[in-house]
Amino acid sequence: MITPSQSRAARALIEWTQPRLAEASKLGLSTVVDFEKSRRQISDDSRRAIQLALEAAGVIFVDENGEGPGVRLRKRSAFTR
């Protein structure tokens, strides 16, 4: 599952606001804000919805590999903003 910092970094890469992510993931804005600020635990389903929305926009999530989790973009031709 993605981390709050991965979500923030992913949004920055694709130039999305929190309201845009909330809309794309079909979640409330407060859920996205609270998740990204680590204010509260959100459900696994909500976390998955955030991840799927960002992946659909071209983000690739990199799992923990000894250096920590991360994000990167798919090749530009493979997605649109």
PDB file of N, CA and C in Angstrom:
ATOM      1  N   MET A   1       0.833  -1.193   0.000  1.00  0.00           N
ATOM      2  CA  MET A   1       0.000   0.000   0.000  1.00  0.00           C
ATOM      3  C   MET A   1       0.877   1.256   0.000  1.00  0.00           C
ATOM      4  N   ILE A   2       0.365   2.283  -0.615  1.00  0.00           N
ATOM      5  CA  ILE A   2       1.136   3.522  -0.716  1.00  0.00           C
ATOM      6  C   ILE A   2       1.166   4.259   0.619  1.00  0.00           C
ATOM      7  N   THR A   3       2.152   5.112   0.750  1.00  0.00           N
ATOM      8  CA  THR A   3       2.310   5.923   1.951  1.00  0.00           C
ATOM      9  C   THR A   3       1.798   7.334   1.676  1.00  0.00           C
ATOM     10  N   PRO A   4       1.534   8.111   2.730  1.00  0.00           N
ATOM     11  CA  PRO A   4       1.126   9.501   2.522  1.00  0.00           C
ATOM     12  C   PRO A   4       2.160  10.300   1.711  1.00  0.00           C
ATOM     13  N   SER A   5       3.433  10.094   1.967  1.00  0.00           N
ATOM     14  CA  SER A   5       4.448  10.842   1.220  1.00  0.00           C
ATOM     15  C   SER A   5       4.480  10.433  -0.250  1.00  0.00           C
ATOM     16  N   GLN A   6       4.227   9.158  -0.543  1.00  0.00           N
ATOM     17  CA  GLN A   6       4.147   8.737  -1.937  1.00  0.00           C
ATOM     18  C   GLN A   6       2.966   9.413  -2.640  1.00  0.00           C
ATOM     19  N   SER A   7       1.866   9.542  -1.949  1.00  0.00           N
ATOM     20  CA  SER A   7       0.702  10.197  -2.529  1.00  0.00           C
ATOM     21  C   SER A   7       1.016  11.657  -2.845  1.00  0.00           C
ATOM     22  N   ARG A   8       1.629  12.363  -1.904  1.00  0.00           N
ATOM     23  CA  ARG A   8       2.000  13.774  -2.133  1.00  0.00           C
ATOM     24  C   ARG A   8       2.969  13.905  -3.298  1.00  0.00           C
ATOM     25  N   ALA A   9       3.975  13.030  -3.339  1.00  0.00           N
ATOM     26  CA  ALA A   9       4.976  13.079  -4.405  1.00  0.00           C
ATOM     27  C   ALA A   9       4.333  12.765  -5.759  1.00  0.00           C
ATOM     28  N   ALA A  10       3.454  11.791  -5.780  1.00  0.00           N
ATOM     29  CA  ALA A  10       2.783  11.413  -7.023  1.00  0.00           C
ATOM     30  C   ALA A  10       1.946  12.572  -7.551  1.00  0.00           C
ATOM     31  N   ARG A  11       1.214  13.220  -6.662  1.00  0.00           N
ATOM     32  CA  ARG A  11       0.415  14.375  -7.089  1.00  0.00           C
ATOM     33  C   ARG A  11       1.295  15.464  -7.672  1.00  0.00           C
ATOM     34  N   ALA A  12       2.435  15.695  -7.049  1.00  0.00           N
ATOM     35  CA  ALA A  12       3.354  16.724  -7.550  1.00  0.00           C
ATOM     36  C   ALA A  12       3.853  16.375  -8.953  1.00  0.00           C
ATOM     37  N   LEU A  13       4.144  15.112  -9.174  1.00  0.00           N
ATOM     38  CA  LEU A  13       4.649  14.690 -10.490  1.00  0.00           C
ATOM     39  C   LEU A  13       3.629  14.911 -11.605  1.00  0.00           C
ATOM     40  N   ILE A  14       2.362  14.726 -11.303  1.00  0.00           N
ATOM     41  CA  ILE A  14       1.338  14.878 -12.339  1.00  0.00           C
ATOM     42  C   ILE A  14       0.580  16.197 -12.205  1.00  0.00           C
ATOM     43  N   GLU A  15       1.030  17.035 -11.275  1.00  0.00           N
ATOM     44  CA  GLU A  15       0.464  18.374 -11.073  1.00  0.00           C
ATOM     45  C   GLU A  15      -1.026  18.339 -10.752  1.00  0.00           C
ATOM     46  N   TRP A  16      -1.382  17.454  -9.825  1.00  0.00           N
ATOM     47  CA  TRP A  16      -2.755  17.352  -9.355  1.00  0.00           C
ATOM     48  C   TRP A  16      -2.877  18.005  -7.983  1.00  0.00           C
ATOM     49  N   THR A  17      -4.004  18.637  -7.740  1.00  0.00           N
ATOM     50  CA  THR A  17      -4.339  19.155  -6.418  1.00  0.00           C
ATOM     51  C   THR A  17      -4.997  18.040  -5.609  1.00  0.00           C
ATOM     52  N   GLN A  18      -5.131  18.278  -4.324  1.00  0.00           N
ATOM     53  CA  GLN A  18      -5.852  17.305  -3.502  1.00  0.00           C
ATOM     54  C   GLN A  18      -7.313  17.172  -3.941  1.00  0.00           C
ATOM     55  N   PRO A  19      -8.004  18.271  -4.281  1.00  0.00           N
ATOM     56  CA  PRO A  19      -9.377  18.100  -4.769  1.00  0.00           C
ATOM     57  C   PRO A  19      -9.455  17.258  -6.052  1.00  0.00           C
ATOM     58  N   ARG A  20      -8.474  17.401  -6.932  1.00  0.00           N
ATOM     59  CA  ARG A  20      -8.456  16.599  -8.161  1.00  0.00           C
ATOM     60  C   ARG A  20      -8.288  15.117  -7.835  1.00  0.00           C
ATOM     61  N   LEU A  21      -7.414  14.816  -6.881  1.00  0.00           N
ATOM     62  CA  LEU A  21      -7.222  13.426  -6.466  1.00  0.00           C
ATOM     63  C   LEU A  21      -8.476  12.876  -5.804  1.00  0.00           C
ATOM     64  N   ALA A  22      -9.108  13.680  -4.977  1.00  0.00           N
ATOM     65  CA  ALA A  22     -10.347  13.233  -4.326  1.00  0.00           C
ATOM     66  C   ALA A  22     -11.406  12.893  -5.372  1.00  0.00           C
ATOM     67  N   GLU A  23     -11.535  13.735  -6.378  1.00  0.00           N
ATOM     68  CA  GLU A  23     -12.498  13.494  -7.452  1.00  0.00           C
ATOM     69  C   GLU A  23     -12.150  12.224  -8.223  1.00  0.00           C
ATOM     70  N   ALA A  24     -10.894  12.076  -8.594  1.00  0.00           N
ATOM     71  CA  ALA A  24     -10.474  10.923  -9.391  1.00  0.00           C
ATOM     72  C   ALA A  24     -10.597   9.609  -8.624  1.00  0.00           C
ATOM     73  N   SER A  25     -10.412   9.669  -7.321  1.00  0.00           N
ATOM     74  CA  SER A  25     -10.486   8.458  -6.506  1.00  0.00           C
ATOM     75  C   SER A  25     -11.879   8.224  -5.920  1.00  0.00           C
ATOM     76  N   LYS A  26     -12.788   9.166  -6.191  1.00  0.00           N
ATOM     77  CA  LYS A  26     -14.169   9.088  -5.697  1.00  0.00           C
ATOM     78  C   LYS A  26     -14.222   9.023  -4.167  1.00  0.00           C
ATOM     79  N   LEU A  27     -13.354   9.839  -3.549  1.00  0.00           N
ATOM     80  CA  LEU A  27     -13.310   9.943  -2.093  1.00  0.00           C
ATOM     81  C   LEU A  27     -13.573  11.383  -1.691  1.00  0.00           C
ATOM     82  N   GLY A  28     -13.896  11.571  -0.433  1.00  0.00           N
ATOM     83  CA  GLY A  28     -14.054  12.918   0.077  1.00  0.00           C
ATOM     84  C   GLY A  28     -12.709  13.618   0.187  1.00  0.00           C
ATOM     85  N   LEU A  29     -12.723  14.922   0.012  1.00  0.00           N
ATOM     86  CA  LEU A  29     -11.494  15.702   0.121  1.00  0.00           C
ATOM     87  C   LEU A  29     -10.850  15.520   1.493  1.00  0.00           C
ATOM     88  N   SER A  30     -11.658  15.468   2.543  1.00  0.00           N
ATOM     89  CA  SER A  30     -11.097  15.312   3.894  1.00  0.00           C
ATOM     90  C   SER A  30     -10.343  13.993   4.028  1.00  0.00           C
ATOM     91  N   THR A  31     -10.779  12.956   3.334  1.00  0.00           N
ATOM     92  CA  THR A  31     -10.076  11.669   3.382  1.00  0.00           C
ATOM     93  C   THR A  31      -8.686  11.806   2.780  1.00  0.00           C
ATOM     94  N   VAL A  32      -8.595  12.457   1.628  1.00  0.00           N
ATOM     95  CA  VAL A  32      -7.299  12.655   0.967  1.00  0.00           C
ATOM     96  C   VAL A  32      -6.398  13.531   1.828  1.00  0.00           C
ATOM     97  N   VAL A  33      -6.921  14.628   2.320  1.00  0.00           N
ATOM     98  CA  VAL A  33      -6.125  15.547   3.146  1.00  0.00           C
ATOM     99  C   VAL A  33      -5.640  14.844   4.405  1.00  0.00           C
ATOM    100  N   ASP A  34      -6.536  14.173   5.093  1.00  0.00           N
ATOM    101  CA  ASP A  34      -6.158  13.485   6.333  1.00  0.00           C
ATOM    102  C   ASP A  34      -5.120  12.394   6.081  1.00  0.00           C
ATOM    103  N   PHE A  35      -5.274  11.660   4.983  1.00  0.00           N
ATOM    104  CA  PHE A  35      -4.304  10.622   4.644  1.00  0.00           C
ATOM    105  C   PHE A  35      -2.933  11.236   4.389  1.00  0.00           C
ATOM    106  N   GLU A  36      -2.878  12.249   3.545  1.00  0.00           N
ATOM    107  CA  GLU A  36      -1.592  12.833   3.178  1.00  0.00           C
ATOM    108  C   GLU A  36      -0.908  13.543   4.342  1.00  0.00           C
ATOM    109  N   LYS A  37      -1.674  14.001   5.300  1.00  0.00           N
ATOM    110  CA  LYS A  37      -1.097  14.658   6.485  1.00  0.00           C
ATOM    111  C   LYS A  37      -0.934  13.687   7.652  1.00  0.00           C
ATOM    112  N   SER A  38      -1.231  12.413   7.414  1.00  0.00           N
ATOM    113  CA  SER A  38      -1.153  11.368   8.453  1.00  0.00           C
ATOM    114  C   SER A  38      -1.955  11.737   9.694  1.00  0.00           C
ATOM    115  N   ARG A  39      -3.094  12.363   9.491  1.00  0.00           N
ATOM    116  CA  ARG A  39      -3.957  12.752  10.610  1.00  0.00           C
ATOM    117  C   ARG A  39      -4.716  11.562  11.178  1.00  0.00           C
ATOM    118  N   ARG A  40      -5.040  10.623  10.289  1.00  0.00           N
ATOM    119  CA  ARG A  40      -5.785   9.442  10.723  1.00  0.00           C
ATOM    120  C   ARG A  40      -5.532   8.320   9.740  1.00  0.00           C
ATOM    121  N   GLN A  41      -5.797   7.107  10.194  1.00  0.00           N
ATOM    122  CA  GLN A  41      -5.715   5.944   9.320  1.00  0.00           C
ATOM    123  C   GLN A  41      -6.951   5.944   8.429  1.00  0.00           C
ATOM    124  N   ILE A  42      -6.774   5.660   7.156  1.00  0.00           N
ATOM    125  CA  ILE A  42      -7.921   5.495   6.279  1.00  0.00           C
ATOM    126  C   ILE A  42      -8.029   4.014   5.929  1.00  0.00           C
ATOM    127  N   SER A  43      -9.166   3.627   5.420  1.00  0.00           N
ATOM    128  CA  SER A  43      -9.375   2.210   5.112  1.00  0.00           C
ATOM    129  C   SER A  43      -8.458   1.762   3.975  1.00  0.00           C
ATOM    130  N   ASP A  44      -8.209   0.470   3.930  1.00  0.00           N
ATOM    131  CA  ASP A  44      -7.420  -0.088   2.833  1.00  0.00           C
ATOM    132  C   ASP A  44      -8.094   0.176   1.493  1.00  0.00           C
ATOM    133  N   ASP A  45      -9.425   0.144   1.465  1.00  0.00           N
ATOM    134  CA  ASP A  45     -10.150   0.414   0.223  1.00  0.00           C
ATOM    135  C   ASP A  45      -9.922   1.853  -0.246  1.00  0.00           C
ATOM    136  N   SER A  46      -9.913   2.793   0.684  1.00  0.00           N
ATOM    137  CA  SER A  46      -9.670   4.191   0.325  1.00  0.00           C
ATOM    138  C   SER A  46      -8.241   4.390  -0.149  1.00  0.00           C
ATOM    139  N   ARG A  47      -7.326   3.765   0.525  1.00  0.00           N
ATOM    140  CA  ARG A  47      -5.916   3.859   0.128  1.00  0.00           C
ATOM    141  C   ARG A  47      -5.723   3.273  -1.267  1.00  0.00           C
ATOM    142  N   ARG A  48      -6.373   2.149  -1.530  1.00  0.00           N
ATOM    143  CA  ARG A  48      -6.301   1.516  -2.848  1.00  0.00           C
ATOM    144  C   ARG A  48      -6.921   2.428  -3.909  1.00  0.00           C
ATOM    145  N   ALA A  49      -8.025   3.106  -3.594  1.00  0.00           N
ATOM    146  CA  ALA A  49      -8.666   4.017  -4.552  1.00  0.00           C
ATOM    147  C   ALA A  49      -7.729   5.163  -4.925  1.00  0.00           C
ATOM    148  N   ILE A  50      -7.017   5.690  -3.940  1.00  0.00           N
ATOM    149  CA  ILE A  50      -6.039   6.745  -4.206  1.00  0.00           C
ATOM    150  C   ILE A  50      -4.942   6.224  -5.117  1.00  0.00           C
ATOM    151  N   GLN A  51      -4.424   5.063  -4.788  1.00  0.00           N
ATOM    152  CA  GLN A  51      -3.345   4.479  -5.584  1.00  0.00           C
ATOM    153  C   GLN A  51      -3.798   4.225  -7.024  1.00  0.00           C
ATOM    154  N   LEU A  52      -4.965   3.642  -7.201  1.00  0.00           N
ATOM    155  CA  LEU A  52      -5.459   3.336  -8.545  1.00  0.00           C
ATOM    156  C   LEU A  52      -5.688   4.599  -9.368  1.00  0.00           C
ATOM    157  N   ALA A  53      -6.202   5.658  -8.739  1.00  0.00           N
ATOM    158  CA  ALA A  53      -6.414   6.921  -9.455  1.00  0.00           C
ATOM    159  C   ALA A  53      -5.087   7.509  -9.931  1.00  0.00           C
ATOM    160  N   LEU A  54      -4.087   7.464  -9.073  1.00  0.00           N
ATOM    161  CA  LEU A  54      -2.776   7.998  -9.445  1.00  0.00           C
ATOM    162  C   LEU A  54      -2.102   7.138 -10.503  1.00  0.00           C
ATOM    163  N   GLU A  55      -2.243   5.832 -10.390  1.00  0.00           N
ATOM    164  CA  GLU A  55      -1.677   4.938 -11.407  1.00  0.00           C
ATOM    165  C   GLU A  55      -2.337   5.166 -12.763  1.00  0.00           C
ATOM    166  N   ALA A  56      -3.637   5.387 -12.774  1.00  0.00           N
ATOM    167  CA  ALA A  56      -4.349   5.647 -14.025  1.00  0.00           C
ATOM    168  C   ALA A  56      -3.859   6.933 -14.690  1.00  0.00           C
ATOM    169  N   ALA A  57      -3.340   7.853 -13.880  1.00  0.00           N
ATOM    170  CA  ALA A  57      -2.817   9.116 -14.397  1.00  0.00           C
ATOM    171  C   ALA A  57      -1.349   9.016 -14.802  1.00  0.00           C
ATOM    172  N   GLY A  58      -0.744   7.841 -14.637  1.00  0.00           N
ATOM    173  CA  GLY A  58       0.618   7.658 -15.116  1.00  0.00           C
ATOM    174  C   GLY A  58       1.687   7.492 -14.072  1.00  0.00           C
ATOM    175  N   VAL A  59       1.306   7.355 -12.815  1.00  0.00           N
ATOM    176  CA  VAL A  59       2.280   7.196 -11.733  1.00  0.00           C
ATOM    177  C   VAL A  59       2.591   5.712 -11.528  1.00  0.00           C
ATOM    178  N   ILE A  60       3.848   5.421 -11.281  1.00  0.00           N
ATOM    179  CA  ILE A  60       4.281   4.081 -10.903  1.00  0.00           C
ATOM    180  C   ILE A  60       4.805   4.161  -9.481  1.00  0.00           C
ATOM    181  N   PHE A  61       4.314   3.294  -8.624  1.00  0.00           N
ATOM    182  CA  PHE A  61       4.763   3.259  -7.235  1.00  0.00           C
ATOM    183  C   PHE A  61       5.874   2.237  -7.085  1.00  0.00           C
ATOM    184  N   VAL A  62       6.932   2.648  -6.432  1.00  0.00           N
ATOM    185  CA  VAL A  62       8.087   1.790  -6.203  1.00  0.00           C
ATOM    186  C   VAL A  62       8.035   1.319  -4.759  1.00  0.00           C
ATOM    187  N   ASP A  63       8.034   0.013  -4.560  1.00  0.00           N
ATOM    188  CA  ASP A  63       7.974  -0.551  -3.212  1.00  0.00           C
ATOM    189  C   ASP A  63       9.277  -0.312  -2.456  1.00  0.00           C
ATOM    190  N   GLU A  64       9.199  -0.488  -1.169  1.00  0.00           N
ATOM    191  CA  GLU A  64      10.375  -0.450  -0.295  1.00  0.00           C
ATOM    192  C   GLU A  64      11.411  -1.423  -0.839  1.00  0.00           C
ATOM    193  N   ASN A  65      12.628  -0.953  -1.031  1.00  0.00           N
ATOM    194  CA  ASN A  65      13.676  -1.814  -1.583  1.00  0.00           C
ATOM    195  C   ASN A  65      15.008  -1.609  -0.867  1.00  0.00           C
ATOM    196  N   GLY A  66      14.938  -1.226   0.364  1.00  0.00           N
ATOM    197  CA  GLY A  66      16.157  -0.940   1.110  1.00  0.00           C
ATOM    198  C   GLY A  66      16.475   0.547   1.146  1.00  0.00           C
ATOM    199  N   GLU A  67      15.969   1.271   0.177  1.00  0.00           N
ATOM    200  CA  GLU A  67      16.178   2.719   0.112  1.00  0.00           C
ATOM    201  C   GLU A  67      14.911   3.486   0.443  1.00  0.00           C
ATOM    202  N   GLY A  68      13.817   2.799   0.624  1.00  0.00           N
ATOM    203  CA  GLY A  68      12.550   3.446   0.919  1.00  0.00           C
ATOM    204  C   GLY A  68      11.627   3.441  -0.283  1.00  0.00           C
ATOM    205  N   PRO A  69      10.326   3.605  -0.043  1.00  0.00           N
ATOM    206  CA  PRO A  69       9.359   3.625  -1.127  1.00  0.00           C
ATOM    207  C   PRO A  69       9.504   4.901  -1.956  1.00  0.00           C
ATOM    208  N   GLY A  70       9.023   4.845  -3.193  1.00  0.00           N
ATOM    209  CA  GLY A  70       9.122   6.015  -4.062  1.00  0.00           C
ATOM    210  C   GLY A  70       8.055   6.015  -5.135  1.00  0.00           C
ATOM    211  N   VAL A  71       8.177   6.988  -6.036  1.00  0.00           N
ATOM    212  CA  VAL A  71       7.263   7.117  -7.172  1.00  0.00           C
ATOM    213  C   VAL A  71       8.047   7.554  -8.399  1.00  0.00           C
ATOM    214  N   ARG A  72       7.512   7.231  -9.556  1.00  0.00           N
ATOM    215  CA  ARG A  72       8.056   7.741 -10.806  1.00  0.00           C
ATOM    216  C   ARG A  72       6.935   7.767 -11.828  1.00  0.00           C
ATOM    217  N   LEU A  73       7.191   8.377 -12.971  1.00  0.00           N
ATOM    218  CA  LEU A  73       6.194   8.447 -14.028  1.00  0.00           C
ATOM    219  C   LEU A  73       6.449   7.398 -15.095  1.00  0.00           C
ATOM    220  N   ARG A  74       5.357   6.917 -15.672  1.00  0.00           N
ATOM    221  CA  ARG A  74       5.463   6.083 -16.853  1.00  0.00           C
ATOM    222  C   ARG A  74       5.940   6.955 -18.003  1.00  0.00           C
ATOM    223  N   LYS A  75       6.411   6.336 -19.060  1.00  0.00           N
ATOM    224  CA  LYS A  75       6.799   7.106 -20.235  1.00  0.00           C
ATOM    225  C   LYS A  75       5.633   7.966 -20.671  1.00  0.00           C
ATOM    226  N   ARG A  76       5.933   9.158 -21.093  1.00  0.00           N
ATOM    227  CA  ARG A  76       4.905  10.142 -21.427  1.00  0.00           C
ATOM    228  C   ARG A  76       3.878   9.655 -22.448  1.00  0.00           C
ATOM    229  N   SER A  77       4.300   8.896 -23.429  1.00  0.00           N
ATOM    230  CA  SER A  77       3.371   8.426 -24.453  1.00  0.00           C
ATOM    231  C   SER A  77       2.347   7.434 -23.902  1.00  0.00           C
ATOM    232  N   ALA A  78       2.608   6.920 -22.712  1.00  0.00           N
ATOM    233  CA  ALA A  78       1.730   5.900 -22.138  1.00  0.00           C
ATOM    234  C   ALA A  78       0.574   6.479 -21.333  1.00  0.00           C
ATOM    235  N   PHE A  79       0.558   7.802 -21.128  1.00  0.00           N
ATOM    236  CA  PHE A  79      -0.529   8.389 -20.342  1.00  0.00           C
ATOM    237  C   PHE A  79      -0.770   9.826 -20.756  1.00  0.00           C
ATOM    238  N   THR A  80      -1.902  10.363 -20.316  1.00  0.00           N
ATOM    239  CA  THR A  80      -2.205  11.775 -20.502  1.00  0.00           C
ATOM    240  C   THR A  80      -2.634  12.346 -19.178  1.00  0.00           C
ATOM    241  N   ARG A  81      -2.433  13.634 -19.017  1.00  0.00           N
ATOM    242  CA  ARG A  81      -2.812  14.286 -17.757  1.00  0.00           C
ATOM    243  C   ARG A  81      -4.261  14.657 -17.750  1.00  0.00           C
TER     244      ARG A  81
END
